[in-house]
N, C-alpha and C. Protein backbone atom coordinates (compact mmCIF):
# COMPACT_ATOMS: atom_id res chain seq x y z
N MET A 1 128.96 122.79 39.79
CA MET A 1 130.04 123.70 39.51
C MET A 1 130.29 124.60 40.72
N SER A 2 131.55 124.86 41.04
CA SER A 2 131.93 125.67 42.19
C SER A 2 131.88 127.15 41.86
N HIS A 3 131.53 127.93 42.85
CA HIS A 3 131.73 129.37 42.78
C HIS A 3 133.15 129.63 43.26
N ILE A 4 133.68 130.80 42.95
CA ILE A 4 135.04 131.14 43.37
C ILE A 4 135.00 132.41 44.21
N LEU A 5 135.53 132.30 45.43
CA LEU A 5 135.69 133.46 46.29
C LEU A 5 137.10 134.01 46.06
N ARG A 6 137.19 135.24 45.62
CA ARG A 6 138.47 135.91 45.33
C ARG A 6 138.74 136.87 46.49
N ALA A 7 139.93 136.79 47.08
CA ALA A 7 140.25 137.62 48.25
C ALA A 7 141.66 138.20 48.11
N TRP A 8 141.77 139.50 48.41
CA TRP A 8 143.09 140.10 48.47
C TRP A 8 143.10 141.16 49.56
N THR A 9 144.30 141.39 50.10
CA THR A 9 144.45 142.22 51.30
C THR A 9 145.52 143.28 51.07
N PHE A 10 145.23 144.48 51.59
CA PHE A 10 146.23 145.54 51.61
C PHE A 10 146.03 146.39 52.86
N TRP A 11 147.00 147.23 53.18
CA TRP A 11 146.97 148.04 54.38
C TRP A 11 147.11 149.52 54.03
N ILE A 12 146.33 150.34 54.74
CA ILE A 12 146.35 151.79 54.55
C ILE A 12 146.47 152.46 55.91
N HIS A 13 146.72 153.77 55.89
CA HIS A 13 146.68 154.55 57.13
C HIS A 13 145.22 154.85 57.47
N ALA A 14 144.90 154.83 58.75
CA ALA A 14 143.52 154.97 59.20
C ALA A 14 142.87 156.28 58.76
N ASP A 15 143.65 157.33 58.61
CA ASP A 15 143.06 158.62 58.26
C ASP A 15 142.50 158.69 56.85
N ILE A 16 142.76 157.68 56.02
CA ILE A 16 142.19 157.67 54.66
C ILE A 16 141.18 156.54 54.47
N ARG A 17 140.69 155.99 55.56
CA ARG A 17 139.75 154.87 55.46
C ARG A 17 138.53 155.22 54.63
N GLU A 18 137.86 156.31 54.93
CA GLU A 18 136.65 156.69 54.18
C GLU A 18 136.98 157.01 52.72
N GLU A 19 138.09 157.69 52.50
CA GLU A 19 138.53 157.98 51.14
C GLU A 19 138.77 156.68 50.37
N CYS A 20 139.40 155.73 51.02
CA CYS A 20 139.67 154.43 50.39
C CYS A 20 138.37 153.74 50.03
N HIS A 21 137.42 153.72 50.96
CA HIS A 21 136.13 153.09 50.69
C HIS A 21 135.47 153.75 49.47
N ASP A 22 135.42 155.08 49.46
CA ASP A 22 134.79 155.79 48.35
C ASP A 22 135.51 155.54 47.04
N ASP A 23 136.84 155.53 47.08
CA ASP A 23 137.63 155.28 45.86
C ASP A 23 137.42 153.86 45.35
N MET A 24 137.35 152.89 46.25
CA MET A 24 137.12 151.51 45.84
C MET A 24 135.77 151.40 45.13
N GLU A 25 134.76 152.03 45.71
CA GLU A 25 133.43 152.01 45.07
C GLU A 25 133.49 152.65 43.69
N ARG A 26 134.14 153.79 43.59
CA ARG A 26 134.17 154.55 42.34
C ARG A 26 135.07 153.93 41.28
N MET A 27 136.26 153.46 41.67
CA MET A 27 137.26 153.01 40.70
C MET A 27 137.23 151.51 40.40
N VAL A 28 136.73 150.72 41.34
CA VAL A 28 136.87 149.27 41.18
C VAL A 28 135.52 148.54 41.24
N PHE A 29 134.77 148.76 42.29
CA PHE A 29 133.60 147.92 42.55
C PHE A 29 132.50 148.09 41.51
N GLY A 30 132.25 149.29 41.05
CA GLY A 30 131.21 149.50 40.04
C GLY A 30 131.48 148.69 38.79
N ARG A 31 132.72 148.72 38.35
CA ARG A 31 133.11 147.96 37.16
C ARG A 31 133.02 146.45 37.41
N MET A 32 133.43 146.03 38.60
CA MET A 32 133.36 144.60 38.93
C MET A 32 131.91 144.11 38.96
N ARG A 33 131.03 144.93 39.53
CA ARG A 33 129.62 144.52 39.64
C ARG A 33 128.97 144.34 38.28
N GLN A 34 129.48 145.03 37.28
CA GLN A 34 128.94 144.91 35.93
C GLN A 34 129.54 143.75 35.15
N ALA A 35 130.60 143.16 35.66
CA ALA A 35 131.31 142.09 34.94
C ALA A 35 130.48 140.81 34.90
N PRO A 36 130.42 140.16 33.73
CA PRO A 36 129.73 138.87 33.66
C PRO A 36 130.35 137.88 34.64
N GLY A 37 129.50 137.19 35.39
CA GLY A 37 129.96 136.18 36.33
C GLY A 37 130.25 136.69 37.72
N ASN A 38 130.26 138.03 37.92
CA ASN A 38 130.48 138.56 39.26
C ASN A 38 129.16 138.51 40.02
N LEU A 39 129.19 137.86 41.18
CA LEU A 39 127.99 137.72 41.98
C LEU A 39 127.91 138.73 43.11
N ARG A 40 129.08 139.18 43.59
CA ARG A 40 129.11 140.12 44.71
C ARG A 40 130.54 140.60 44.94
N VAL A 41 130.68 141.82 45.42
CA VAL A 41 131.99 142.35 45.82
C VAL A 41 131.78 143.27 47.01
N ASN A 42 132.74 143.24 47.93
CA ASN A 42 132.68 144.08 49.10
C ASN A 42 134.07 144.18 49.71
N ALA A 43 134.26 145.15 50.58
CA ALA A 43 135.53 145.30 51.29
C ALA A 43 135.27 145.28 52.79
N LEU A 44 136.19 144.65 53.50
CA LEU A 44 136.16 144.62 54.96
C LEU A 44 137.29 145.50 55.46
N PHE A 45 137.00 146.34 56.44
CA PHE A 45 138.00 147.25 57.00
C PHE A 45 138.23 146.88 58.46
N ASN A 46 139.48 146.55 58.81
CA ASN A 46 139.83 146.17 60.17
C ASN A 46 140.80 147.20 60.73
N ASP A 47 140.30 148.07 61.59
CA ASP A 47 141.13 149.10 62.22
C ASP A 47 141.98 148.44 63.29
N ALA A 48 143.30 148.47 63.09
CA ALA A 48 144.22 147.80 64.02
C ALA A 48 144.42 148.57 65.32
N GLY A 49 143.94 149.82 65.37
CA GLY A 49 144.10 150.61 66.58
C GLY A 49 145.45 151.28 66.70
N ASP A 50 146.32 151.12 65.71
CA ASP A 50 147.65 151.72 65.74
C ASP A 50 147.85 152.73 64.59
N GLY A 51 146.73 153.19 64.02
CA GLY A 51 146.82 154.13 62.92
C GLY A 51 146.81 153.47 61.55
N THR A 52 146.65 152.14 61.53
CA THR A 52 146.59 151.42 60.27
C THR A 52 145.28 150.65 60.15
N VAL A 53 144.91 150.38 58.91
CA VAL A 53 143.69 149.62 58.63
C VAL A 53 144.02 148.54 57.62
N GLU A 54 143.62 147.31 57.94
CA GLU A 54 143.73 146.20 57.00
C GLU A 54 142.46 146.21 56.16
N VAL A 55 142.61 146.13 54.84
CA VAL A 55 141.47 146.10 53.93
C VAL A 55 141.48 144.76 53.21
N VAL A 56 140.39 144.01 53.34
CA VAL A 56 140.26 142.74 52.64
C VAL A 56 139.14 142.90 51.62
N VAL A 57 139.48 142.69 50.36
CA VAL A 57 138.50 142.78 49.29
C VAL A 57 138.06 141.37 48.93
N LEU A 58 136.74 141.13 49.02
CA LEU A 58 136.16 139.83 48.72
C LEU A 58 135.21 139.98 47.54
N SER A 59 135.33 139.07 46.60
CA SER A 59 134.35 139.03 45.51
C SER A 59 134.01 137.57 45.25
N LEU A 60 132.78 137.35 44.88
CA LEU A 60 132.31 136.01 44.58
C LEU A 60 131.98 135.94 43.10
N TRP A 61 132.49 134.92 42.44
CA TRP A 61 132.37 134.78 40.98
C TRP A 61 131.77 133.44 40.64
N ALA A 62 131.14 133.38 39.49
CA ALA A 62 130.54 132.13 39.02
C ALA A 62 131.60 131.10 38.65
N SER A 63 132.79 131.56 38.21
CA SER A 63 133.85 130.63 37.82
C SER A 63 135.18 131.35 37.68
N MET A 64 136.27 130.57 37.63
CA MET A 64 137.60 131.14 37.35
C MET A 64 137.64 131.74 35.95
N ALA A 65 136.92 131.14 35.03
CA ALA A 65 136.89 131.68 33.67
C ALA A 65 136.36 133.11 33.66
N HIS A 66 135.36 133.39 34.48
CA HIS A 66 134.84 134.75 34.57
C HIS A 66 135.88 135.71 35.17
N ILE A 67 136.60 135.25 36.17
CA ILE A 67 137.65 136.08 36.77
C ILE A 67 138.72 136.39 35.74
N ARG A 68 139.19 135.36 35.04
CA ARG A 68 140.24 135.57 34.03
C ARG A 68 139.76 136.48 32.92
N ALA A 69 138.50 136.37 32.52
CA ALA A 69 137.97 137.24 31.47
C ALA A 69 137.93 138.69 31.95
N PHE A 70 137.65 138.91 33.22
CA PHE A 70 137.57 140.26 33.75
C PHE A 70 138.95 140.85 34.03
N VAL A 71 139.82 140.07 34.67
CA VAL A 71 141.11 140.57 35.13
C VAL A 71 142.20 140.43 34.06
N GLY A 72 142.15 139.35 33.29
CA GLY A 72 143.19 139.11 32.30
C GLY A 72 144.23 138.14 32.82
N PRO A 73 145.36 138.07 32.12
CA PRO A 73 146.36 137.05 32.45
C PRO A 73 147.04 137.24 33.81
N LEU A 74 146.96 138.42 34.38
CA LEU A 74 147.59 138.69 35.68
C LEU A 74 146.58 138.54 36.82
N TYR A 75 145.72 137.54 36.71
CA TYR A 75 144.62 137.37 37.66
C TYR A 75 145.08 137.04 39.08
N LEU A 76 146.36 136.69 39.26
CA LEU A 76 146.87 136.41 40.61
C LEU A 76 147.42 137.65 41.30
N GLN A 77 147.43 138.78 40.61
CA GLN A 77 147.94 140.03 41.19
C GLN A 77 146.78 140.89 41.66
N PRO A 78 146.96 141.60 42.78
CA PRO A 78 145.91 142.50 43.27
C PRO A 78 145.59 143.58 42.24
N ALA A 79 144.32 143.94 42.15
CA ALA A 79 143.88 144.96 41.20
C ALA A 79 143.75 146.31 41.88
N ILE A 80 144.87 146.87 42.28
CA ILE A 80 144.88 148.18 42.91
C ILE A 80 145.12 149.22 41.81
N PRO A 81 144.21 150.19 41.66
CA PRO A 81 144.40 151.19 40.60
C PRO A 81 145.74 151.91 40.75
N PRO A 82 146.47 152.12 39.64
CA PRO A 82 147.80 152.74 39.71
C PRO A 82 147.81 154.07 40.47
N ALA A 83 146.79 154.87 40.30
CA ALA A 83 146.74 156.16 41.00
C ALA A 83 146.61 156.00 42.50
N TYR A 84 146.23 154.81 42.94
CA TYR A 84 146.01 154.57 44.36
C TYR A 84 147.19 153.89 45.04
N LEU A 85 148.13 153.37 44.27
CA LEU A 85 149.26 152.62 44.85
C LEU A 85 150.04 153.42 45.87
N GLU A 86 150.15 154.72 45.70
CA GLU A 86 150.92 155.54 46.64
C GLU A 86 150.26 155.61 48.02
N LYS A 87 148.98 155.30 48.10
CA LYS A 87 148.26 155.35 49.38
C LYS A 87 148.30 154.02 50.12
N VAL A 88 148.67 152.97 49.43
CA VAL A 88 148.75 151.64 50.04
C VAL A 88 150.18 151.44 50.53
N PHE A 89 150.35 151.21 51.83
CA PHE A 89 151.72 151.06 52.31
C PHE A 89 152.18 149.62 52.40
N ASP A 90 151.26 148.68 52.29
CA ASP A 90 151.65 147.27 52.24
C ASP A 90 150.51 146.50 51.60
N ARG A 91 150.83 145.35 51.00
CA ARG A 91 149.82 144.52 50.39
C ARG A 91 150.34 143.10 50.26
N GLU A 92 149.41 142.17 50.23
CA GLU A 92 149.79 140.80 49.92
C GLU A 92 150.15 140.77 48.43
N PRO A 93 151.17 140.05 48.07
CA PRO A 93 151.60 140.06 46.67
C PRO A 93 150.71 139.25 45.74
N ARG A 94 149.86 138.39 46.32
CA ARG A 94 149.01 137.53 45.48
C ARG A 94 147.56 137.58 45.94
N VAL A 95 146.70 137.38 44.99
CA VAL A 95 145.28 137.22 45.26
C VAL A 95 145.03 135.74 45.55
N HIS A 96 144.10 135.46 46.44
CA HIS A 96 143.76 134.08 46.77
C HIS A 96 142.39 133.75 46.17
N HIS A 97 142.27 132.54 45.66
CA HIS A 97 141.01 132.06 45.09
C HIS A 97 140.61 130.78 45.82
N TYR A 98 139.35 130.73 46.25
CA TYR A 98 138.86 129.59 47.01
C TYR A 98 137.62 129.03 46.31
N ALA A 99 137.60 127.73 46.08
CA ALA A 99 136.42 127.09 45.53
C ALA A 99 135.36 126.99 46.62
N VAL A 100 134.16 127.39 46.29
CA VAL A 100 133.03 127.32 47.21
C VAL A 100 132.01 126.39 46.58
N THR A 101 131.99 125.15 47.03
CA THR A 101 131.15 124.16 46.38
C THR A 101 129.73 124.14 46.91
N ASP A 102 129.57 124.49 48.16
CA ASP A 102 128.23 124.51 48.76
C ASP A 102 128.11 125.82 49.52
N LEU A 103 127.37 126.76 48.97
CA LEU A 103 127.26 128.06 49.61
C LEU A 103 126.47 127.97 50.90
N PRO A 104 127.09 128.33 52.02
CA PRO A 104 126.33 128.36 53.27
C PRO A 104 125.30 129.48 53.20
N SER A 105 124.31 129.44 54.04
CA SER A 105 123.23 130.43 53.99
C SER A 105 123.76 131.84 54.16
N SER A 106 124.82 132.02 54.94
CA SER A 106 125.37 133.37 55.13
C SER A 106 125.91 133.94 53.82
N LEU A 107 126.54 133.10 52.99
CA LEU A 107 127.02 133.57 51.68
C LEU A 107 125.86 133.77 50.72
N ARG A 108 124.86 132.92 50.78
CA ARG A 108 123.69 133.11 49.91
C ARG A 108 123.00 134.42 50.26
N ASP A 109 122.92 134.73 51.56
CA ASP A 109 122.34 136.00 51.99
C ASP A 109 123.17 137.18 51.50
N TRP A 110 124.50 137.03 51.54
CA TRP A 110 125.40 138.09 51.08
C TRP A 110 125.20 138.34 49.58
N ILE A 111 125.06 137.29 48.80
CA ILE A 111 124.85 137.42 47.36
C ILE A 111 123.50 138.08 47.08
N ASP A 112 122.48 137.69 47.81
CA ASP A 112 121.13 138.17 47.54
C ASP A 112 120.88 139.57 48.05
N SER A 113 121.75 140.09 48.90
CA SER A 113 121.49 141.42 49.48
C SER A 113 121.90 142.54 48.54
């Protein structure tokens, strides 16, 4: 059975990077980590050097069924908390899901850490 890597991207202004990280931990990641089938969640922050930061949220799940049970019928839409939408100035309109059939050691290390 494949694991599913869920990825979505949005952009913020660089001056709220730390606030965004803290808010993601408080509003989203804690709940995700408790969800059945969630193996790992993390965010990557890429400072573009022009005052903007690209944020990529990655989560690894045991199956699509677990994602759908957690997110609901709108599982292809980014899960940005409504109170936070005003701080996001751009986002990809869809979440991407990738089947991971053979976890490379780097992903196994990420899950186990």
